[in-house]
Amino acid sequence: MKDLSYFSGHHLDGLTFCKEVYALFEEIRSTPDGVSNLRLKASVLEKKLLEELFPICRYIQTKYKPGLYLTVQWIDGNQQFDAFVGASGESVKQFESPAHSFLEVTSAVHPKEYLARERLHTHGLCYGYDGLKRIKGDRSIMSEVVSYSGLSFINDDAERIVDAINKKGKINYPDNTTLIVQSSLSTIYSLDEWRRLVDLVRSKVKSIPFFEIFICETGGRFTDSLYPYDNPQ
């Protein structure tokens, strides 16, 4: 089975990168403890796969198109960025896309997300993040149904995403750096609710010190992008 060293420091075609990342996921999942290891992020392998490689795949798959061909070099470590991206094609010739750019990945995680993963591991059922509670006596996890008033859940999720962006915005990154924010949402969103979330994030971000901010949710349904000219404060 391939490990992280297969990806780290190696230039791969963008679509090949995605194919190999998903193949690694399936290899892990097919092992006897694979599902639980992925769910609990049992080691650095599962953690980096789900928290760095997956979001980069989402970004590459969204951007890759006729006229824009990408290569990816993911780097395992604590350097200033997580991946280097090379681009070629007509989009680069027409100055629509930079020939070289960088990716930095971060997460906007619900504070009870880890309880949800553990609850799914032990019971196979979880109603949502906000209804989770650790029982002091036996350390089990209670999961209760929670209702929301209006769009309060969108406000909460937006605040987490904005906090993640602002935290990364305090660090100096190379030019043409895209910040990828992977978010665990409080509940299942409709497309309209997702658009409201992105608009709310856009209105709350004071400045965008990145070439782009790419927002994706862990469920794999929605992505969107913010650019500096979206909010010229």
Protein backbone atom coordinates (compact mmCIF):
# COMPACT_ATOMS: atom_id res chain seq x y z
CA MET A 1 0.00 0.00 0.00
CA LYS A 2 1.25 3.48 -0.85
CA ASP A 3 1.90 5.87 1.99
CA LEU A 4 2.41 9.64 2.34
CA SER A 5 5.95 9.42 0.97
CA TYR A 6 4.50 8.58 -2.45
CA PHE A 7 3.01 12.09 -2.63
CA SER A 8 5.45 14.21 -0.62
CA GLY A 9 7.87 16.20 -2.77
CA HIS A 10 6.81 14.58 -6.04
CA HIS A 11 5.33 16.48 -8.98
CA LEU A 12 2.19 14.73 -10.20
CA ASP A 13 -0.35 15.65 -12.84
CA GLY A 14 -3.36 17.10 -11.01
CA LEU A 15 -5.80 14.41 -12.06
CA THR A 16 -3.25 11.68 -11.38
CA PHE A 17 -2.76 13.14 -7.91
CA CYS A 18 -6.50 12.94 -7.26
CA LYS A 19 -6.72 9.40 -8.63
CA GLU A 20 -3.88 8.20 -6.39
CA VAL A 21 -5.26 9.94 -3.30
CA TYR A 22 -8.64 8.27 -3.78
CA ALA A 23 -6.93 4.93 -4.46
CA LEU A 24 -5.06 5.26 -1.15
CA PHE A 25 -8.37 5.98 0.59
CA GLU A 26 -9.91 2.83 -0.86
CA GLU A 27 -6.85 0.74 0.07
CA ILE A 28 -7.09 1.89 3.67
CA ARG A 29 -10.85 1.41 3.75
CA SER A 30 -10.55 -2.18 2.51
CA THR A 31 -8.28 -3.26 5.38
CA PRO A 32 -9.88 -4.99 8.41
CA ASP A 33 -9.84 -1.85 10.59
CA GLY A 34 -9.83 0.59 7.69
CA VAL A 35 -13.25 2.17 8.19
CA SER A 36 -12.70 2.80 11.89
CA ASN A 37 -9.16 4.08 11.29
CA LEU A 38 -10.45 6.58 8.74
CA ARG A 39 -13.38 7.62 10.92
CA LEU A 40 -11.22 8.12 14.01
CA LYS A 41 -8.21 9.47 12.08
CA ALA A 42 -6.20 6.86 13.93
CA SER A 43 -2.78 7.86 12.61
CA VAL A 44 -0.95 10.61 10.78
CA LEU A 45 -1.72 8.78 7.53
CA GLU A 46 -5.50 9.02 7.91
CA LYS A 47 -5.33 12.54 9.36
CA LYS A 48 -3.22 13.98 6.54
CA LEU A 49 -5.22 12.08 3.93
CA LEU A 50 -8.55 13.52 5.09
CA GLU A 51 -7.42 16.96 6.26
CA GLU A 52 -4.87 17.89 3.58
CA LEU A 53 -4.89 15.60 0.55
CA PHE A 54 -8.67 15.41 0.19
CA PRO A 55 -9.20 19.20 0.24
CA ILE A 56 -6.38 19.64 -2.29
CA CYS A 57 -8.13 17.11 -4.55
CA ARG A 58 -11.37 19.09 -4.26
CA TYR A 59 -9.52 22.23 -5.32
CA ILE A 60 -7.71 20.57 -8.24
CA GLN A 61 -10.86 18.90 -9.56
CA THR A 62 -12.73 22.22 -9.43
CA LYS A 63 -10.00 24.15 -11.27
CA TYR A 64 -8.76 21.59 -13.81
CA LYS A 65 -10.34 22.20 -17.21
CA PRO A 66 -9.55 22.41 -20.94
CA GLY A 67 -6.97 25.16 -21.27
CA LEU A 68 -5.80 24.85 -17.67
CA TYR A 69 -3.67 21.83 -16.81
CA LEU A 70 -2.25 21.48 -13.30
CA THR A 71 0.56 19.65 -11.57
CA VAL A 72 0.71 19.22 -7.80
CA GLN A 73 3.62 18.80 -5.43
CA TRP A 74 2.35 18.15 -1.91
CA ILE A 75 4.98 18.55 0.80
CA ASP A 76 4.69 16.74 4.12
CA GLY A 77 6.01 19.01 6.85
CA ASN A 78 5.65 22.33 8.67
CA GLN A 79 6.81 24.60 5.86
CA GLN A 80 5.05 27.83 4.87
CA PHE A 81 2.60 26.09 2.51
CA ASP A 82 1.20 22.60 1.94
CA ALA A 83 1.51 22.23 -1.83
CA PHE A 84 3.03 23.79 -4.92
CA VAL A 85 0.91 23.98 -8.08
CA GLY A 86 2.18 24.40 -11.61
CA ALA A 87 -0.20 25.43 -14.39
CA SER A 88 -0.01 25.35 -18.18
CA GLY A 89 -2.34 25.86 -21.10
CA GLU A 90 -4.15 28.70 -22.80
CA SER A 91 -5.52 30.05 -19.53
CA VAL A 92 -1.95 30.71 -18.39
CA LYS A 93 -0.93 32.19 -21.75
CA GLN A 94 -3.86 34.61 -21.54
CA PHE A 95 -2.84 35.57 -17.97
CA GLU A 96 -6.11 34.26 -16.58
CA SER A 97 -4.27 31.89 -14.21
CA PRO A 98 -0.80 32.06 -12.63
CA ALA A 99 1.82 29.60 -13.89
CA HIS A 100 2.97 28.93 -10.33
CA SER A 101 0.98 29.07 -7.11
CA PHE A 102 0.84 27.65 -3.60
CA LEU A 103 -1.84 25.95 -1.51
CA GLU A 104 -2.31 26.19 2.23
CA VAL A 105 -4.99 23.97 3.80
CA THR A 106 -6.84 24.61 7.04
CA SER A 107 -10.01 23.35 8.73
CA ALA A 108 -13.03 25.04 10.27
CA VAL A 109 -14.16 22.26 12.55
CA HIS A 110 -17.20 22.13 14.82
CA PRO A 111 -15.93 21.79 18.44
CA LYS A 112 -17.85 18.51 18.82
CA GLU A 113 -16.75 17.00 15.52
CA TYR A 114 -14.44 14.54 17.29
CA LEU A 115 -17.38 13.32 19.40
CA ALA A 116 -19.39 12.70 16.25
CA ARG A 117 -16.63 10.54 14.79
CA GLU A 118 -16.35 8.55 18.00
CA ARG A 119 -20.14 8.17 18.27
CA LEU A 120 -20.34 6.88 14.70
CA HIS A 121 -17.57 4.43 15.48
CA THR A 122 -19.27 3.03 18.59
CA HIS A 123 -22.97 3.26 17.60
CA GLY A 124 -23.10 3.82 13.85
CA LEU A 125 -25.57 6.67 14.39
CA CYS A 126 -25.24 10.37 15.17
CA TYR A 127 -27.97 13.01 14.87
CA GLY A 128 -25.69 16.03 14.62
CA TYR A 129 -22.89 17.91 16.30
CA ASP A 130 -24.86 20.19 18.61
CA GLY A 131 -26.80 17.33 20.21
CA LEU A 132 -23.69 15.46 21.35
CA LYS A 133 -22.62 15.18 24.97
CA ARG A 134 -20.04 13.07 26.79
CA ILE A 135 -21.47 11.17 29.79
CA LYS A 136 -19.08 11.55 32.72
CA GLY A 137 -19.68 8.15 34.31
CA ASP A 138 -18.96 5.68 31.53
CA ARG A 139 -17.50 8.16 29.01
CA SER A 140 -20.15 7.19 26.47
CA ILE A 141 -21.52 9.79 24.05
CA MET A 142 -25.20 10.80 24.02
CA SER A 143 -26.66 11.98 20.72
CA GLU A 144 -29.90 13.97 20.80
CA VAL A 145 -31.95 15.53 18.05
CA VAL A 146 -31.51 19.33 17.94
CA SER A 147 -33.71 21.84 16.13
CA TYR A 148 -32.50 25.22 14.91
CA SER A 149 -34.20 28.58 15.02
CA GLY A 150 -34.10 30.33 11.67
CA LEU A 151 -30.62 30.42 10.20
CA SER A 152 -28.69 30.31 13.47
CA PHE A 153 -26.69 27.27 12.32
CA ILE A 154 -25.44 29.23 9.30
CA ASN A 155 -24.23 32.05 11.53
CA ASP A 156 -22.33 29.59 13.74
CA ASP A 157 -20.70 27.84 10.79
CA ALA A 158 -19.77 31.17 9.20
CA GLU A 159 -18.07 32.34 12.38
CA ARG A 160 -15.89 29.21 12.45
CA ILE A 161 -14.86 29.69 8.83
CA VAL A 162 -14.11 33.39 9.35
CA ASP A 163 -12.03 32.59 12.45
CA ALA A 164 -10.01 30.05 10.46
CA ILE A 165 -9.41 32.58 7.67
CA ASN A 166 -8.42 35.36 10.05
CA LYS A 167 -6.00 33.09 11.88
CA LYS A 168 -4.22 32.15 8.66
CA GLY A 169 -4.37 35.76 7.47
CA LYS A 170 -1.92 36.76 10.21
CA ILE A 171 0.83 34.67 8.59
CA ASN A 172 2.94 35.81 5.64
CA TYR A 173 2.60 33.48 2.66
CA PRO A 174 4.23 33.53 -0.79
CA ASP A 175 2.50 35.45 -3.57
CA ASN A 176 -0.26 33.54 -5.38
CA THR A 177 -1.17 31.47 -2.33
CA THR A 178 -4.68 30.00 -2.19
CA LEU A 179 -6.09 29.20 1.23
CA ILE A 180 -8.26 26.07 1.21
CA VAL A 181 -10.75 25.98 4.09
CA GLN A 182 -12.44 22.62 4.69
CA SER A 183 -15.48 23.05 6.91
CA SER A 184 -17.56 20.55 8.88
CA LEU A 185 -21.06 22.01 8.71
CA SER A 186 -23.55 21.80 11.57
CA THR A 187 -26.20 20.07 9.49
CA ILE A 188 -27.10 19.06 5.93
CA TYR A 189 -27.30 22.22 3.81
CA SER A 190 -29.45 23.05 0.83
CA LEU A 191 -27.81 24.93 -2.04
CA ASP A 192 -29.55 28.14 -0.96
CA GLU A 193 -28.27 27.74 2.59
CA TRP A 194 -24.74 27.16 1.29
CA ARG A 195 -24.93 30.35 -0.75
CA ARG A 196 -26.13 32.25 2.31
CA LEU A 197 -23.18 30.85 4.25
CA VAL A 198 -20.65 31.97 1.63
CA ASP A 199 -22.21 35.43 1.38
CA LEU A 200 -22.07 35.77 5.15
CA VAL A 201 -18.42 34.72 5.25
CA ARG A 202 -17.64 37.19 2.46
CA SER A 203 -19.28 40.03 4.41
CA LYS A 204 -17.39 39.21 7.63
CA VAL A 205 -13.88 38.74 6.27
CA LYS A 206 -12.15 42.09 6.79
CA SER A 207 -9.42 41.48 4.23
CA ILE A 208 -8.27 38.65 1.98
CA PRO A 209 -4.45 38.43 1.98
CA PHE A 210 -4.55 35.49 -0.43
CA PHE A 211 -4.82 35.03 -4.15
CA GLU A 212 -8.02 33.06 -3.45
CA ILE A 213 -9.89 31.50 -0.54
CA PHE A 214 -11.41 28.17 -1.57
CA ILE A 215 -14.13 26.91 0.78
CA CYS A 216 -15.31 23.29 0.69
CA GLU A 217 -17.40 21.23 3.06
CA THR A 218 -16.43 17.78 4.27
CA GLY A 219 -19.53 16.12 2.82
CA GLY A 220 -18.24 16.76 -0.70
CA ARG A 221 -21.30 18.59 -2.02
CA PHE A 222 -20.37 22.28 -2.10
CA THR A 223 -17.39 24.49 -2.93
CA ASP A 224 -16.99 28.20 -3.49
CA SER A 225 -14.26 30.81 -3.79
CA LEU A 226 -13.54 34.26 -2.40
CA TYR A 227 -11.10 36.65 -4.04
CA PRO A 228 -9.58 39.93 -2.76
CA TYR A 229 -11.71 41.97 -5.13
CA ASP A 230 -14.87 40.44 -3.60
CA ASN A 231 -14.32 42.61 -0.54
CA PRO A 232 -12.19 45.67 -1.31
CA GLN A 233 -11.91 46.90 2.31
